[in-house]
Structure formats: structure tokens, C-alpha cells
Protein backbone atom coordinates (compact mmCIF):
# COMPACT_ATOMS: atom_id res chain seq x y z
CA MET A 1 -20.01 -7.25 16.36
CA THR A 2 -20.19 -4.01 14.36
CA THR A 3 -18.12 -3.23 11.27
CA LEU A 4 -17.71 0.31 9.94
CA VAL A 5 -16.72 0.61 6.28
CA LEU A 6 -15.52 4.05 5.19
CA GLY A 7 -15.36 4.90 1.49
CA ALA A 8 -18.06 2.29 1.03
CA THR A 9 -18.91 3.03 -2.60
CA SER A 10 -15.62 1.67 -3.93
CA ARG A 11 -15.78 -1.84 -5.36
CA ILE A 12 -13.30 -3.18 -2.81
CA ALA A 13 -15.18 -1.60 0.08
CA GLN A 14 -18.49 -3.04 -1.12
CA GLN A 15 -17.00 -6.50 -1.30
CA ILE A 16 -15.46 -6.13 2.18
CA ALA A 17 -18.83 -5.04 3.56
CA GLN A 18 -20.36 -8.16 2.02
CA ARG A 19 -17.77 -10.34 3.76
CA TYR A 20 -18.44 -8.91 7.20
CA ALA A 21 -22.21 -8.99 6.74
CA GLU A 22 -21.99 -12.59 5.61
CA SER A 23 -20.11 -13.41 8.82
CA GLY A 24 -23.02 -11.98 10.81
CA ASP A 25 -21.69 -8.53 11.74
CA LYS A 26 -23.89 -5.47 11.82
CA VAL A 27 -22.50 -3.13 9.18
CA PHE A 28 -22.45 0.64 8.81
CA VAL A 29 -21.35 1.86 5.38
CA ALA A 30 -20.35 5.49 4.92
CA ALA A 31 -19.33 7.56 1.93
CA ARG A 32 -19.74 11.01 0.39
CA ASP A 33 -22.47 9.61 -1.87
CA VAL A 34 -25.08 8.88 0.82
CA GLU A 35 -27.70 7.70 -1.68
CA GLU A 36 -25.37 5.02 -3.01
CA ALA A 37 -24.28 4.08 0.52
CA GLU A 38 -27.94 3.61 1.46
CA ARG A 39 -28.44 1.34 -1.54
CA ILE A 40 -25.44 -0.74 -0.45
CA ALA A 41 -26.75 -0.97 3.13
CA ALA A 42 -30.19 -2.05 1.93
CA ASP A 43 -28.64 -4.78 -0.20
CA LEU A 44 -26.54 -6.02 2.76
CA ALA A 45 -29.60 -6.16 5.01
CA VAL A 46 -31.68 -8.14 2.52
CA ARG A 47 -28.92 -10.40 1.26
CA HIS A 48 -27.46 -11.36 4.65
CA GLN A 49 -30.32 -10.67 7.07
CA VAL A 50 -28.22 -8.37 9.25
CA LYS A 51 -28.76 -4.83 10.45
CA ALA A 52 -27.04 -2.50 8.00
CA LEU A 53 -27.17 1.29 7.98
CA ALA A 54 -25.59 4.06 5.95
CA GLY A 55 -24.36 7.60 6.46
CA ARG A 56 -22.15 10.34 5.11
CA PHE A 57 -18.37 10.28 5.45
CA ASP A 58 -16.09 12.88 3.93
CA ALA A 59 -12.39 12.47 4.66
CA LEU A 60 -11.93 16.23 4.38
CA ALA A 61 -14.64 17.03 6.96
CA THR A 62 -12.43 16.16 9.93
CA ASP A 63 -14.63 18.04 12.42
CA ASP A 64 -17.39 15.51 11.73
CA HIS A 65 -15.37 12.33 12.24
CA SER A 66 -15.87 11.82 15.97
CA GLY A 67 -19.56 12.55 15.60
CA LEU A 68 -19.91 9.90 12.91
CA ILE A 69 -18.44 7.24 15.18
CA ASP A 70 -20.73 8.33 18.02
CA HIS A 71 -23.70 8.00 15.65
CA VAL A 72 -22.65 4.55 14.45
CA GLU A 73 -22.22 3.28 18.01
CA ALA A 74 -25.55 4.75 19.11
CA GLU A 75 -27.28 2.91 16.28
CA LEU A 76 -25.38 -0.39 16.12
CA GLY A 77 -23.24 -0.67 19.24
CA PRO A 78 -19.45 -0.45 19.71
CA VAL A 79 -17.41 -0.53 16.50
CA THR A 80 -15.34 -3.72 16.62
CA THR A 81 -13.79 -3.41 13.14
CA ALA A 82 -13.21 -0.30 11.03
CA ILE A 83 -12.13 -0.49 7.40
CA LEU A 84 -10.63 2.66 5.86
CA ALA A 85 -11.14 1.99 2.16
CA PHE A 86 -11.25 5.54 0.84
CA GLY A 87 -8.66 7.36 -1.22
CA ASP A 88 -8.04 9.80 -4.05
CA MET A 89 -5.29 9.21 -6.58
CA GLY A 90 -5.78 12.62 -8.12
CA ASP A 91 -3.98 13.63 -11.31
CA GLN A 92 -0.21 13.95 -11.05
CA ASP A 93 0.02 16.56 -13.82
CA ARG A 94 -2.64 18.76 -12.22
CA SER A 95 -1.05 18.33 -8.80
CA GLN A 96 2.26 19.60 -10.17
CA GLU A 97 0.55 22.67 -11.61
CA SER A 98 -1.76 23.44 -8.70
CA PHE A 99 -0.95 22.93 -5.05
CA ALA A 100 -4.67 22.97 -4.31
CA ASP A 101 -4.99 19.70 -6.24
CA ALA A 102 -1.94 18.26 -4.49
CA LYS A 103 -3.28 19.32 -1.09
CA ARG A 104 -6.58 17.56 -1.72
CA VAL A 105 -4.80 14.30 -2.51
CA ILE A 106 -2.67 14.65 0.62
CA ASP A 107 -5.60 15.60 2.85
CA VAL A 108 -7.86 12.77 1.66
CA ASN A 109 -5.22 10.05 1.80
CA TYR A 110 -3.35 11.17 4.88
CA THR A 111 -4.84 13.99 6.97
CA GLY A 112 -8.42 12.69 6.81
CA ALA A 113 -7.28 9.12 7.37
CA VAL A 114 -5.29 10.08 10.46
CA SER A 115 -8.23 12.06 11.79
CA ILE A 116 -10.69 9.17 11.65
CA CYS A 117 -8.09 6.69 12.92
CA GLU A 118 -7.42 8.79 16.01
CA ALA A 119 -11.15 9.04 16.72
CA LEU A 120 -11.50 5.27 16.34
CA ALA A 121 -8.43 4.62 18.47
CA ALA A 122 -9.87 6.69 21.33
CA LYS A 123 -13.06 4.61 21.32
CA MET A 124 -11.35 1.25 20.98
CA THR A 125 -8.66 1.81 23.61
CA SER A 126 -11.36 2.73 26.13
CA ARG A 127 -12.75 -0.79 25.61
CA GLY A 128 -9.43 -2.58 25.17
CA ALA A 129 -10.49 -4.19 21.88
CA GLY A 130 -10.97 -3.51 18.19
CA THR A 131 -9.42 -3.70 14.75
CA ILE A 132 -8.52 -0.84 12.41
CA VAL A 133 -7.66 -1.69 8.81
CA GLY A 134 -6.05 0.98 6.66
CA VAL A 135 -6.21 0.21 2.95
CA GLY A 136 -3.08 1.69 1.46
CA SER A 137 -1.04 1.17 -1.68
CA VAL A 138 2.32 -0.17 -2.79
CA ALA A 139 2.72 3.31 -4.34
CA GLY A 140 3.69 4.46 -0.85
CA ASP A 141 6.76 2.24 -0.70
CA ARG A 142 8.95 4.46 -2.89
CA GLY A 143 8.56 7.85 -4.50
CA ARG A 144 8.21 7.64 -8.29
CA LYS A 145 7.85 10.57 -10.63
CA SER A 146 4.61 9.24 -12.11
CA ASN A 147 2.64 9.51 -8.85
CA TYR A 148 4.79 10.92 -6.08
CA ILE A 149 2.05 13.14 -4.63
CA TYR A 150 -0.34 10.23 -4.14
CA GLY A 151 2.52 7.90 -3.26
CA SER A 152 3.92 10.22 -0.61
CA ALA A 153 0.50 10.54 1.05
CA LYS A 154 0.04 6.77 1.09
CA GLY A 155 3.60 6.36 2.31
CA ALA A 156 2.95 8.77 5.17
CA PHE A 157 -0.26 6.92 6.02
CA GLY A 158 1.61 3.62 6.09
CA LEU A 159 4.20 5.04 8.47
CA TYR A 160 1.43 6.48 10.64
CA LEU A 161 -0.32 3.10 10.81
CA GLN A 162 2.97 1.49 11.82
CA GLY A 163 3.28 3.89 14.74
CA LEU A 164 -0.38 3.52 15.66
CA ARG A 165 0.00 -0.27 15.62
CA ASN A 166 2.96 0.03 17.97
CA ARG A 167 1.02 2.33 20.33
CA LEU A 168 -2.23 0.34 20.41
CA HIS A 169 -0.81 -3.18 20.63
CA SER A 170 -0.59 -3.07 24.42
CA GLU A 171 -4.13 -1.65 24.53
CA GLY A 172 -5.66 -4.72 22.86
CA VAL A 173 -6.36 -2.93 19.57
CA HIS A 174 -5.00 -4.34 16.32
CA VAL A 175 -3.98 -2.13 13.39
CA MET A 176 -3.47 -3.66 9.95
CA THR A 177 -1.97 -2.05 6.87
CA ALA A 178 -3.16 -3.44 3.53
CA LYS A 179 -0.80 -2.48 0.71
CA LEU A 180 -2.59 -3.14 -2.55
CA GLY A 181 -1.06 -3.42 -5.97
CA PHE A 182 -3.13 -3.10 -9.13
CA VAL A 183 -6.78 -3.91 -8.43
CA ASP A 184 -9.57 -3.54 -10.98
CA THR A 185 -11.24 -0.36 -9.65
CA ARG A 186 -12.17 3.12 -10.85
CA MET A 187 -8.74 4.34 -9.75
CA THR A 188 -6.94 1.92 -12.08
CA TYR A 189 -9.41 2.01 -14.99
CA GLY A 190 -7.58 2.48 -18.27
CA MET A 191 -4.15 2.01 -16.70
CA ALA A 192 -1.73 0.20 -18.98
CA THR A 193 0.25 -2.48 -17.16
CA LYS A 194 1.81 -5.86 -17.87
CA ILE A 195 1.46 -6.84 -14.22
CA PRO A 196 -1.65 -8.91 -13.41
CA VAL A 197 -4.59 -6.92 -12.08
CA ALA A 198 -6.45 -8.42 -9.12
CA SER A 199 -10.22 -8.46 -8.76
CA PRO A 200 -11.97 -6.53 -5.98
CA GLU A 201 -13.53 -9.80 -4.84
CA ALA A 202 -10.14 -11.46 -4.35
CA ALA A 203 -8.65 -8.38 -2.70
CA SER A 204 -11.57 -8.10 -0.27
CA ALA A 205 -11.28 -11.78 0.66
CA ALA A 206 -7.56 -11.35 1.36
CA ILE A 207 -8.14 -8.26 3.52
CA PHE A 208 -10.98 -9.95 5.45
CA GLU A 209 -8.97 -13.08 6.21
CA ALA A 210 -5.80 -11.16 7.08
CA ALA A 211 -7.70 -8.89 9.49
CA ARG A 212 -9.23 -11.93 11.19
CA ARG A 213 -5.72 -13.43 11.58
CA ARG A 214 -4.44 -10.09 12.94
CA VAL A 215 -1.80 -9.73 10.23
CA ASP A 216 0.24 -6.54 10.62
CA VAL A 217 1.06 -5.77 6.97
CA LEU A 218 -0.65 -7.39 3.99
CA TYR A 219 0.66 -7.05 0.45
CA TYR A 220 -1.94 -8.04 -2.12
CA PRO A 221 -1.42 -9.64 -4.51
CA SER A 222 1.41 -11.16 -2.46
CA PHE A 223 3.99 -10.89 -5.26
CA TRP A 224 4.00 -7.13 -4.73
CA ARG A 225 6.09 -7.62 -1.58
CA ALA A 226 8.92 -8.98 -3.73
CA ILE A 227 8.41 -6.39 -6.49
CA MET A 228 8.57 -3.50 -4.04
CA GLY A 229 11.52 -5.11 -2.27
CA VAL A 230 13.44 -4.94 -5.54
CA ILE A 231 12.30 -1.39 -6.30
CA LYS A 232 13.23 -0.17 -2.82
CA GLY A 233 16.62 -1.82 -3.17
CA ILE A 234 17.63 0.16 -6.28
CA PRO A 235 20.26 2.76 -5.31
CA GLU A 236 19.00 6.34 -5.54
CA LYS A 237 21.74 7.26 -8.04
CA ALA A 238 20.32 4.71 -10.48
CA PHE A 239 16.67 5.03 -9.47
CA LYS A 240 16.41 8.73 -10.34
CA ARG A 241 17.31 7.90 -13.94
CA LEU A 242 14.48 5.41 -14.32
CA SER A 243 11.10 6.21 -15.81
CA LEU A 244 8.68 4.72 -13.29
């Protein structure tokens, strides 16, 4: 079994990689920071006595995505599980002032994610097996003025994963959407909130177990399903007056 972790330098991704390595999978970790990815791979190999390698992954370099998967499979064998744990929240104020900033957020969270998913889907459907896990965000469940650029990209990714799941189900490939609430990561550092913040360790455990059980959509922490249900249920006439 071979697990590919994309965006491997995030705390959640590192913890997920640990889970799969602990289970005995060979692991390939990929990120823009290759040096850090190599450090993570070395730690996995020593800690869990599995084959672990590292390489470069840039969501924006879509022309390289198919080649990366070919490289991983040449080194470690067919990818059985792929975890898309990358993302870029960007800065909402800058995105409103500069479309270049907005486009980067959209391209990292949606365009690049779709690109690598399609490359993975082609490989997995040819074998009739595999799991793709897209790590998304509850921010994609409804557009809010505080982060609608990021939220819209994550929302589009969630809708894409839903369609991909529908297409690949009959091909033996499972697609899971993980919708995370507040998790203690670089993206949420310094964020003021009264809602409990989950640890990367707990989030990774939930994603790992849900993927093994072939869950379609995971909200984590689970109370976010109810919170977003309420938020989505607010009529637009009232919602547009809220400061969220």
C-alpha cells in the first residue's frame, strides 16, 4: 500500500502521514518546501520502519502533476491513497484590492486541486481501486464577507469532489471530502474565536479513520455539521445583514 500526502509540511498533513506510516504503508510526502518534506520522510522511515520518500509539489504547477504521480508509482508502487492537504487562505483584504491575490487563492485551492485529482483518478480507475481524500473547509459551505474568496474556492472544490465521488463510485475508487472547522495550524494562528479549536493530531486521526471506513463527507470537529446547518438555513435577506 502506498500513500501520497500532498501539502505535507502542514501540521495536519504531517500527522496524517504518521498515521499511514504507522499502519505500514509506504509514504511519499510532497510539498513546495522539498527540504522540509525530505526531513519529514526521513523521520517517517526511522520512526515506523517503512519506505518513505519526498518530492516537490506545487499546486500551481499543473503541468507537473501527472509526472509527479508517475514518479511516485515508479518509486513506491501504485498509489492506493492520496491525501490533498494543501491550501492557501490568502488575505481577504488583499484579494479584494488585487485580483492577482484572489486568483492565487482560487488556483491553489481549486484549480490545482482539480488538476491533481484528475491525474489521480485516471491512475486509480485504470486499476479499479484507490482512495482520494480532499481536505476542505467549512468555509466553503456558505459565502461570508470575511473570507468569501477562500470560501468560494473551497466551496467549488467540495462540489467538484461530490461530482468526482459520483463518477468514480462505480469504478471502485472512493472520494472523501473532509470539511474542517478551526484546527490549530498556521492558517488559524492568531484567529480570535470562541469556538473550540481542534488539534492537528485529533483532526488527522478523524480523517484517517473516516477514510478507512469510506465515509463520503466528514465534518471535523463533528459539531460543525450542525453549526453550518444553522448558518446555511439563515435566509439570504437576513444573512446579508450579518457580520460573519
